[in-house]
């Protein structure tokens, strides 16, 4: 079992759970996590649909990390999926540096935390992927 990929899967699952909290608790949670007033104040279903999409993606990413770690059975296209997941996390982390100065409706603090989290998750995925590469 690959510890880094287990950590990566757990982190994605935790963040997915926090997004479920945003759906359930609504505006106060959206505000606390810095999603912006547009997401917090909308009475439409759009924020819930967008957040549900994020939950779905993060949950799938968690399953792929657990699969690569050997915790669950092998998922299809495992190597390709892990490469793409790692790249998305790293690219989002780097992009956050640019969005701090142009926050697009979110607070600069949101982007700082987001880039730190994404970079950390990407690095953890990268280390786990490198260690597990020959077994994928």
N, C-alpha and C. Protein backbone atom coordinates (compact mmCIF):
# COMPACT_ATOMS: atom_id res chain seq x y z
N UNK A 1 0.84 -1.19 0.00
CA UNK A 1 0.00 0.00 0.00
C UNK A 1 0.88 1.25 0.00
N UNK A 2 0.44 2.25 -0.72
CA UNK A 2 1.19 3.48 -0.86
C UNK A 2 0.61 4.55 0.07
N UNK A 3 1.38 4.92 1.08
CA UNK A 3 0.91 5.87 2.10
C UNK A 3 0.54 7.22 1.48
N UNK A 4 1.35 7.71 0.55
CA UNK A 4 1.07 9.02 -0.04
C UNK A 4 -0.26 9.02 -0.80
N UNK A 5 -0.54 7.95 -1.51
CA UNK A 5 -1.81 7.89 -2.24
C UNK A 5 -2.99 7.68 -1.30
N UNK A 6 -2.78 7.00 -0.19
CA UNK A 6 -3.84 6.88 0.81
C UNK A 6 -4.13 8.26 1.41
N UNK A 7 -3.08 9.00 1.71
CA UNK A 7 -3.26 10.38 2.22
C UNK A 7 -3.97 11.22 1.17
N UNK A 8 -3.55 11.10 -0.09
CA UNK A 8 -4.16 11.88 -1.18
C UNK A 8 -5.65 11.57 -1.30
N UNK A 9 -6.00 10.28 -1.25
CA UNK A 9 -7.40 9.90 -1.33
C UNK A 9 -8.21 10.41 -0.16
N UNK A 10 -7.61 10.35 1.02
CA UNK A 10 -8.29 10.84 2.22
C UNK A 10 -8.50 12.35 2.14
N UNK A 11 -7.50 13.08 1.69
CA UNK A 11 -7.62 14.54 1.58
C UNK A 11 -8.73 14.93 0.60
N UNK A 12 -8.78 14.26 -0.55
CA UNK A 12 -9.84 14.56 -1.52
C UNK A 12 -11.21 14.24 -0.93
N UNK A 13 -11.30 13.14 -0.17
CA UNK A 13 -12.57 12.77 0.45
C UNK A 13 -12.99 13.79 1.51
N UNK A 14 -12.04 14.29 2.27
CA UNK A 14 -12.34 15.30 3.30
C UNK A 14 -12.86 16.58 2.64
N UNK A 15 -12.19 17.01 1.58
CA UNK A 15 -12.63 18.23 0.89
C UNK A 15 -14.00 18.02 0.24
N UNK A 16 -14.25 16.83 -0.28
CA UNK A 16 -15.58 16.53 -0.82
C UNK A 16 -16.63 16.64 0.29
N UNK A 17 -16.30 16.14 1.46
CA UNK A 17 -17.23 16.22 2.61
C UNK A 17 -17.49 17.66 3.02
N UNK A 18 -16.45 18.49 2.99
CA UNK A 18 -16.64 19.90 3.32
C UNK A 18 -17.56 20.58 2.31
N UNK A 19 -17.46 20.18 1.05
CA UNK A 19 -18.37 20.72 0.04
C UNK A 19 -19.80 20.26 0.28
N UNK A 20 -19.96 19.04 0.75
CA UNK A 20 -21.32 18.58 1.12
C UNK A 20 -21.85 19.45 2.26
N UNK A 21 -20.98 19.81 3.19
CA UNK A 21 -21.38 20.72 4.26
C UNK A 21 -21.86 22.06 3.72
N UNK A 22 -21.21 22.55 2.68
CA UNK A 22 -21.64 23.81 2.06
C UNK A 22 -23.04 23.67 1.47
N UNK A 23 -23.31 22.55 0.84
CA UNK A 23 -24.65 22.32 0.27
C UNK A 23 -25.67 22.27 1.40
N UNK A 24 -25.36 21.55 2.45
CA UNK A 24 -26.32 21.34 3.53
C UNK A 24 -26.53 22.60 4.37
N UNK A 25 -25.44 23.26 4.76
CA UNK A 25 -25.55 24.41 5.66
C UNK A 25 -25.71 25.74 4.93
N UNK A 26 -25.44 25.77 3.65
CA UNK A 26 -25.74 26.94 2.83
C UNK A 26 -24.81 28.12 3.01
N UNK A 27 -25.42 29.31 2.96
CA UNK A 27 -24.69 30.57 2.89
C UNK A 27 -23.59 30.73 3.95
N UNK A 28 -23.83 30.40 5.22
CA UNK A 28 -22.75 30.59 6.20
C UNK A 28 -21.48 29.80 5.85
N UNK A 29 -21.66 28.60 5.33
CA UNK A 29 -20.49 27.79 4.97
C UNK A 29 -19.84 28.31 3.71
N UNK A 30 -20.64 28.71 2.72
CA UNK A 30 -20.05 29.30 1.52
C UNK A 30 -19.22 30.53 1.88
N UNK A 31 -19.76 31.37 2.77
CA UNK A 31 -19.03 32.57 3.19
C UNK A 31 -17.75 32.19 3.95
N UNK A 32 -17.87 31.26 4.90
CA UNK A 32 -16.72 30.87 5.71
C UNK A 32 -15.57 30.38 4.84
N UNK A 33 -15.91 29.60 3.81
CA UNK A 33 -14.86 29.06 2.95
C UNK A 33 -14.48 30.00 1.81
N UNK A 34 -15.05 31.21 1.80
CA UNK A 34 -14.62 32.24 0.86
C UNK A 34 -15.11 32.08 -0.55
N UNK A 35 -16.23 31.40 -0.73
CA UNK A 35 -16.73 31.15 -2.09
C UNK A 35 -17.31 32.39 -2.74
N UNK A 36 -17.48 33.44 -2.00
CA UNK A 36 -17.98 34.68 -2.57
C UNK A 36 -19.46 34.87 -2.29
N UNK A 37 -19.85 36.12 -2.28
CA UNK A 37 -21.25 36.44 -1.97
C UNK A 37 -22.21 35.94 -3.03
N UNK A 38 -21.76 35.86 -4.27
CA UNK A 38 -22.66 35.35 -5.32
C UNK A 38 -23.10 33.93 -5.02
N UNK A 39 -22.17 33.10 -4.59
CA UNK A 39 -22.52 31.72 -4.25
C UNK A 39 -23.34 31.68 -2.96
N UNK A 40 -22.99 32.52 -2.00
CA UNK A 40 -23.65 32.49 -0.70
C UNK A 40 -25.08 33.02 -0.77
N UNK A 41 -25.32 34.03 -1.57
CA UNK A 41 -26.61 34.71 -1.57
C UNK A 41 -27.60 34.21 -2.60
N UNK A 42 -27.16 33.43 -3.55
CA UNK A 42 -28.07 32.96 -4.59
C UNK A 42 -29.13 32.06 -3.99
N UNK A 43 -30.37 32.37 -4.32
CA UNK A 43 -31.45 31.52 -3.84
C UNK A 43 -31.77 30.41 -4.84
N UNK A 44 -31.11 30.45 -5.98
CA UNK A 44 -31.35 29.43 -6.99
C UNK A 44 -30.63 28.13 -6.61
N UNK A 45 -30.82 27.14 -7.39
CA UNK A 45 -30.15 25.85 -7.17
C UNK A 45 -28.76 25.79 -7.77
N UNK A 46 -28.35 26.85 -8.50
CA UNK A 46 -27.06 26.82 -9.17
C UNK A 46 -25.89 26.53 -8.22
N UNK A 47 -25.77 27.21 -7.07
CA UNK A 47 -24.64 26.89 -6.18
C UNK A 47 -24.64 25.43 -5.73
N UNK A 48 -25.82 24.89 -5.49
CA UNK A 48 -25.89 23.48 -5.06
C UNK A 48 -25.49 22.54 -6.18
N UNK A 49 -25.87 22.85 -7.42
CA UNK A 49 -25.47 22.01 -8.55
C UNK A 49 -23.97 22.09 -8.79
N UNK A 50 -23.43 23.30 -8.75
CA UNK A 50 -21.99 23.48 -8.96
C UNK A 50 -21.22 22.74 -7.86
N UNK A 51 -21.63 22.91 -6.63
CA UNK A 51 -20.95 22.27 -5.51
C UNK A 51 -21.12 20.75 -5.57
N UNK A 52 -22.27 20.29 -6.01
CA UNK A 52 -22.48 18.84 -6.17
C UNK A 52 -21.53 18.27 -7.22
N UNK A 53 -21.29 19.03 -8.28
CA UNK A 53 -20.32 18.61 -9.29
C UNK A 53 -18.93 18.50 -8.72
N UNK A 54 -18.56 19.45 -7.88
CA UNK A 54 -17.25 19.42 -7.23
C UNK A 54 -17.15 18.19 -6.32
N UNK A 55 -18.22 17.91 -5.58
CA UNK A 55 -18.25 16.73 -4.70
C UNK A 55 -18.06 15.46 -5.51
N UNK A 56 -18.75 15.36 -6.63
CA UNK A 56 -18.65 14.17 -7.48
C UNK A 56 -17.21 13.98 -7.99
N UNK A 57 -16.63 15.05 -8.50
CA UNK A 57 -15.26 14.97 -9.04
C UNK A 57 -14.27 14.60 -7.95
N UNK A 58 -14.34 15.27 -6.80
CA UNK A 58 -13.40 14.97 -5.71
C UNK A 58 -13.58 13.55 -5.18
N UNK A 59 -14.80 13.07 -5.17
CA UNK A 59 -15.05 11.69 -4.72
C UNK A 59 -14.44 10.68 -5.68
N UNK A 60 -14.58 10.93 -6.96
CA UNK A 60 -13.97 10.05 -7.96
C UNK A 60 -12.45 10.09 -7.84
N UNK A 61 -11.90 11.29 -7.66
CA UNK A 61 -10.45 11.42 -7.50
C UNK A 61 -9.97 10.65 -6.27
N UNK A 62 -10.75 10.71 -5.20
CA UNK A 62 -10.42 9.98 -3.99
C UNK A 62 -10.38 8.48 -4.27
N UNK A 63 -11.38 7.98 -4.97
CA UNK A 63 -11.42 6.56 -5.31
C UNK A 63 -10.23 6.14 -6.17
N UNK A 64 -9.83 6.99 -7.11
CA UNK A 64 -8.67 6.67 -7.94
C UNK A 64 -7.38 6.61 -7.12
N UNK A 65 -7.23 7.52 -6.18
CA UNK A 65 -6.03 7.49 -5.33
C UNK A 65 -6.04 6.22 -4.48
N UNK A 66 -7.19 5.86 -3.92
CA UNK A 66 -7.29 4.64 -3.12
C UNK A 66 -7.04 3.40 -3.98
N UNK A 67 -7.51 3.42 -5.21
CA UNK A 67 -7.28 2.30 -6.12
C UNK A 67 -5.80 2.14 -6.41
N UNK A 68 -5.13 3.22 -6.72
CA UNK A 68 -3.69 3.16 -7.02
C UNK A 68 -2.89 2.73 -5.79
N UNK A 69 -3.39 3.09 -4.61
CA UNK A 69 -2.70 2.71 -3.37
C UNK A 69 -2.91 1.25 -3.02
N UNK A 70 -3.86 0.60 -3.67
CA UNK A 70 -4.13 -0.79 -3.39
C UNK A 70 -5.17 -1.01 -2.30
N UNK A 71 -5.87 0.05 -1.93
CA UNK A 71 -6.89 -0.05 -0.88
C UNK A 71 -8.18 -0.64 -1.44
N UNK A 72 -8.53 -0.27 -2.67
CA UNK A 72 -9.70 -0.82 -3.34
C UNK A 72 -9.25 -1.43 -4.67
N UNK A 73 -10.16 -2.13 -5.33
CA UNK A 73 -9.80 -2.80 -6.58
C UNK A 73 -9.41 -1.79 -7.66
N UNK A 74 -8.74 -2.30 -8.66
CA UNK A 74 -8.18 -1.46 -9.73
C UNK A 74 -9.29 -0.84 -10.59
N UNK A 75 -9.24 0.46 -10.73
CA UNK A 75 -10.18 1.19 -11.57
C UNK A 75 -9.62 1.33 -12.98
N UNK A 76 -10.49 1.52 -13.96
CA UNK A 76 -10.00 1.64 -15.35
C UNK A 76 -9.18 2.91 -15.56
N UNK A 77 -8.24 2.82 -16.47
CA UNK A 77 -7.39 3.95 -16.87
C UNK A 77 -6.71 4.59 -15.66
N UNK A 78 -6.26 3.77 -14.75
CA UNK A 78 -5.73 4.24 -13.48
C UNK A 78 -4.53 5.16 -13.65
N UNK A 79 -3.56 4.76 -14.46
CA UNK A 79 -2.36 5.57 -14.64
C UNK A 79 -2.71 6.92 -15.26
N UNK A 80 -3.50 6.92 -16.32
CA UNK A 80 -3.90 8.17 -16.98
C UNK A 80 -4.69 9.06 -16.03
N UNK A 81 -5.62 8.48 -15.30
CA UNK A 81 -6.44 9.27 -14.36
C UNK A 81 -5.57 9.93 -13.30
N UNK A 82 -4.62 9.19 -12.75
CA UNK A 82 -3.76 9.77 -11.72
C UNK A 82 -2.87 10.87 -12.27
N UNK A 83 -2.39 10.70 -13.48
CA UNK A 83 -1.59 11.76 -14.12
C UNK A 83 -2.44 13.02 -14.25
N UNK A 84 -3.65 12.87 -14.75
CA UNK A 84 -4.53 14.03 -14.96
C UNK A 84 -4.94 14.68 -13.64
N UNK A 85 -5.26 13.87 -12.64
CA UNK A 85 -5.63 14.41 -11.32
C UNK A 85 -4.47 15.20 -10.73
N UNK A 86 -3.28 14.64 -10.80
CA UNK A 86 -2.09 15.31 -10.28
C UNK A 86 -1.86 16.63 -11.02
N UNK A 87 -1.98 16.60 -12.33
CA UNK A 87 -1.79 17.83 -13.13
C UNK A 87 -2.83 18.89 -12.78
N UNK A 88 -4.08 18.48 -12.63
CA UNK A 88 -5.13 19.45 -12.31
C UNK A 88 -4.83 20.11 -10.97
N UNK A 89 -4.49 19.31 -9.97
CA UNK A 89 -4.16 19.90 -8.66
C UNK A 89 -2.98 20.86 -8.77
N UNK A 90 -1.93 20.48 -9.48
CA UNK A 90 -0.75 21.34 -9.59
C UNK A 90 -1.04 22.61 -10.39
N UNK A 91 -1.77 22.47 -11.49
CA UNK A 91 -2.11 23.64 -12.31
C UNK A 91 -3.02 24.59 -11.53
N UNK A 92 -4.00 24.04 -10.81
CA UNK A 92 -4.87 24.90 -10.00
C UNK A 92 -4.07 25.63 -8.93
N UNK A 93 -3.10 24.94 -8.35
CA UNK A 93 -2.26 25.59 -7.35
C UNK A 93 -1.46 26.74 -7.93
N UNK A 94 -0.86 26.53 -9.09
CA UNK A 94 -0.08 27.59 -9.74
C UNK A 94 -1.00 28.72 -10.20
N UNK A 95 -2.15 28.38 -10.75
CA UNK A 95 -3.10 29.41 -11.22
C UNK A 95 -3.57 30.29 -10.07
N UNK A 96 -3.64 29.73 -8.88
CA UNK A 96 -4.06 30.51 -7.71
C UNK A 96 -3.17 31.71 -7.45
N UNK A 97 -1.88 31.61 -7.79
CA UNK A 97 -0.98 32.75 -7.61
C UNK A 97 -1.45 33.96 -8.42
N UNK A 98 -1.99 33.70 -9.60
CA UNK A 98 -2.45 34.78 -10.47
C UNK A 98 -3.82 35.30 -10.03
N UNK A 99 -4.64 34.43 -9.46
CA UNK A 99 -5.99 34.81 -9.08
C UNK A 99 -6.04 35.58 -7.76
N UNK A 100 -4.97 35.54 -6.99
CA UNK A 100 -4.92 36.31 -5.75
C UNK A 100 -5.08 37.80 -6.06
N UNK A 101 -4.51 38.23 -7.17
CA UNK A 101 -4.54 39.64 -7.53
C UNK A 101 -5.73 40.01 -8.40
N UNK A 102 -6.45 39.04 -8.88
CA UNK A 102 -7.67 39.25 -9.65
C UNK A 102 -8.68 38.21 -9.19
N UNK A 103 -9.28 38.41 -8.01
CA UNK A 103 -10.01 37.34 -7.33
C UNK A 103 -11.33 36.89 -7.95
N UNK A 104 -11.88 37.58 -8.92
CA UNK A 104 -13.10 37.17 -9.62
C UNK A 104 -14.26 36.83 -8.68
N UNK A 105 -14.57 37.73 -7.76
CA UNK A 105 -15.71 37.54 -6.88
C UNK A 105 -15.42 36.78 -5.60
N UNK A 106 -14.22 36.32 -5.46
CA UNK A 106 -13.83 35.63 -4.23
C UNK A 106 -12.77 36.46 -3.53
N UNK A 107 -12.55 36.16 -2.28
CA UNK A 107 -11.56 36.92 -1.54
C UNK A 107 -10.15 36.46 -1.91
N UNK A 108 -9.17 37.36 -1.81
CA UNK A 108 -7.78 36.95 -2.04
C UNK A 108 -7.37 35.81 -1.10
N UNK A 109 -7.90 35.84 0.12
CA UNK A 109 -7.58 34.77 1.08
C UNK A 109 -8.05 33.41 0.56
N UNK A 110 -9.23 33.40 -0.10
CA UNK A 110 -9.74 32.17 -0.69
C UNK A 110 -8.72 31.59 -1.66
N UNK A 111 -8.16 32.44 -2.51
CA UNK A 111 -7.21 31.96 -3.51
C UNK A 111 -5.89 31.53 -2.88
N UNK A 112 -5.46 32.22 -1.83
CA UNK A 112 -4.22 31.81 -1.15
C UNK A 112 -4.40 30.42 -0.55
N UNK A 113 -5.50 30.24 0.18
CA UNK A 113 -5.76 28.92 0.77
C UNK A 113 -5.94 27.86 -0.32
N UNK A 114 -6.66 28.23 -1.36
CA UNK A 114 -6.91 27.29 -2.45
C UNK A 114 -5.61 26.86 -3.12
N UNK A 115 -4.73 27.82 -3.41
CA UNK A 115 -3.48 27.46 -4.08
C UNK A 115 -2.59 26.63 -3.17
N UNK A 116 -2.57 26.94 -1.89
CA UNK A 116 -1.76 26.13 -0.96
C UNK A 116 -2.29 24.70 -0.86
N UNK A 117 -3.60 24.58 -0.78
CA UNK A 117 -4.22 23.26 -0.70
C UNK A 117 -3.98 22.48 -1.98
N UNK A 118 -4.24 23.11 -3.13
CA UNK A 118 -4.07 22.42 -4.40
C UNK A 118 -2.62 22.02 -4.65
N UNK A 119 -1.69 22.90 -4.35
CA UNK A 119 -0.28 22.56 -4.52
C UNK A 119 0.12 21.40 -3.60
N UNK A 120 -0.34 21.46 -2.36
CA UNK A 120 -0.03 20.38 -1.42
C UNK A 120 -0.60 19.05 -1.90
N UNK A 121 -1.87 19.06 -2.31
CA UNK A 121 -2.50 17.84 -2.80
C UNK A 121 -1.78 17.33 -4.05
N UNK A 122 -1.42 18.25 -4.93
CA UNK A 122 -0.72 17.86 -6.15
C UNK A 122 0.63 17.24 -5.86
N UNK A 123 1.37 17.80 -4.92
CA UNK A 123 2.68 17.26 -4.56
C UNK A 123 2.53 15.89 -3.92
N UNK A 124 1.54 15.73 -3.05
CA UNK A 124 1.30 14.42 -2.42
C UNK A 124 0.94 13.38 -3.48
N UNK A 125 0.07 13.76 -4.42
CA UNK A 125 -0.27 12.86 -5.53
C UNK A 125 0.97 12.52 -6.35
N UNK A 126 1.77 13.52 -6.64
CA UNK A 126 2.97 13.31 -7.46
C UNK A 126 3.94 12.34 -6.80
N UNK A 127 4.18 12.51 -5.52
CA UNK A 127 5.08 11.60 -4.80
C UNK A 127 4.51 10.18 -4.83
N UNK A 128 3.21 10.06 -4.52
CA UNK A 128 2.58 8.74 -4.53
C UNK A 128 2.60 8.11 -5.91
N UNK A 129 2.34 8.91 -6.92
CA UNK A 129 2.33 8.42 -8.31
C UNK A 129 3.72 7.93 -8.71
N UNK A 130 4.72 8.70 -8.35
CA UNK A 130 6.10 8.32 -8.67
C UNK A 130 6.47 7.00 -7.98
N UNK A 131 6.10 6.87 -6.72
CA UNK A 131 6.42 5.65 -5.97
C UNK A 131 5.68 4.43 -6.53
N UNK A 132 4.48 4.62 -7.03
CA UNK A 132 3.63 3.52 -7.45
C UNK A 132 3.70 3.25 -8.95
N UNK A 133 4.42 4.08 -9.68
CA UNK A 133 4.41 4.07 -11.14
C UNK A 133 4.55 2.68 -11.75
N UNK A 134 5.53 1.93 -11.31
CA UNK A 134 5.79 0.63 -11.94
C UNK A 134 4.69 -0.39 -11.67
N UNK A 135 3.88 -0.16 -10.66
CA UNK A 135 2.79 -1.09 -10.33
C UNK A 135 1.46 -0.70 -10.95
N UNK A 136 1.41 0.42 -11.65
CA UNK A 136 0.13 0.87 -12.23
C UNK A 136 -0.10 0.25 -13.59
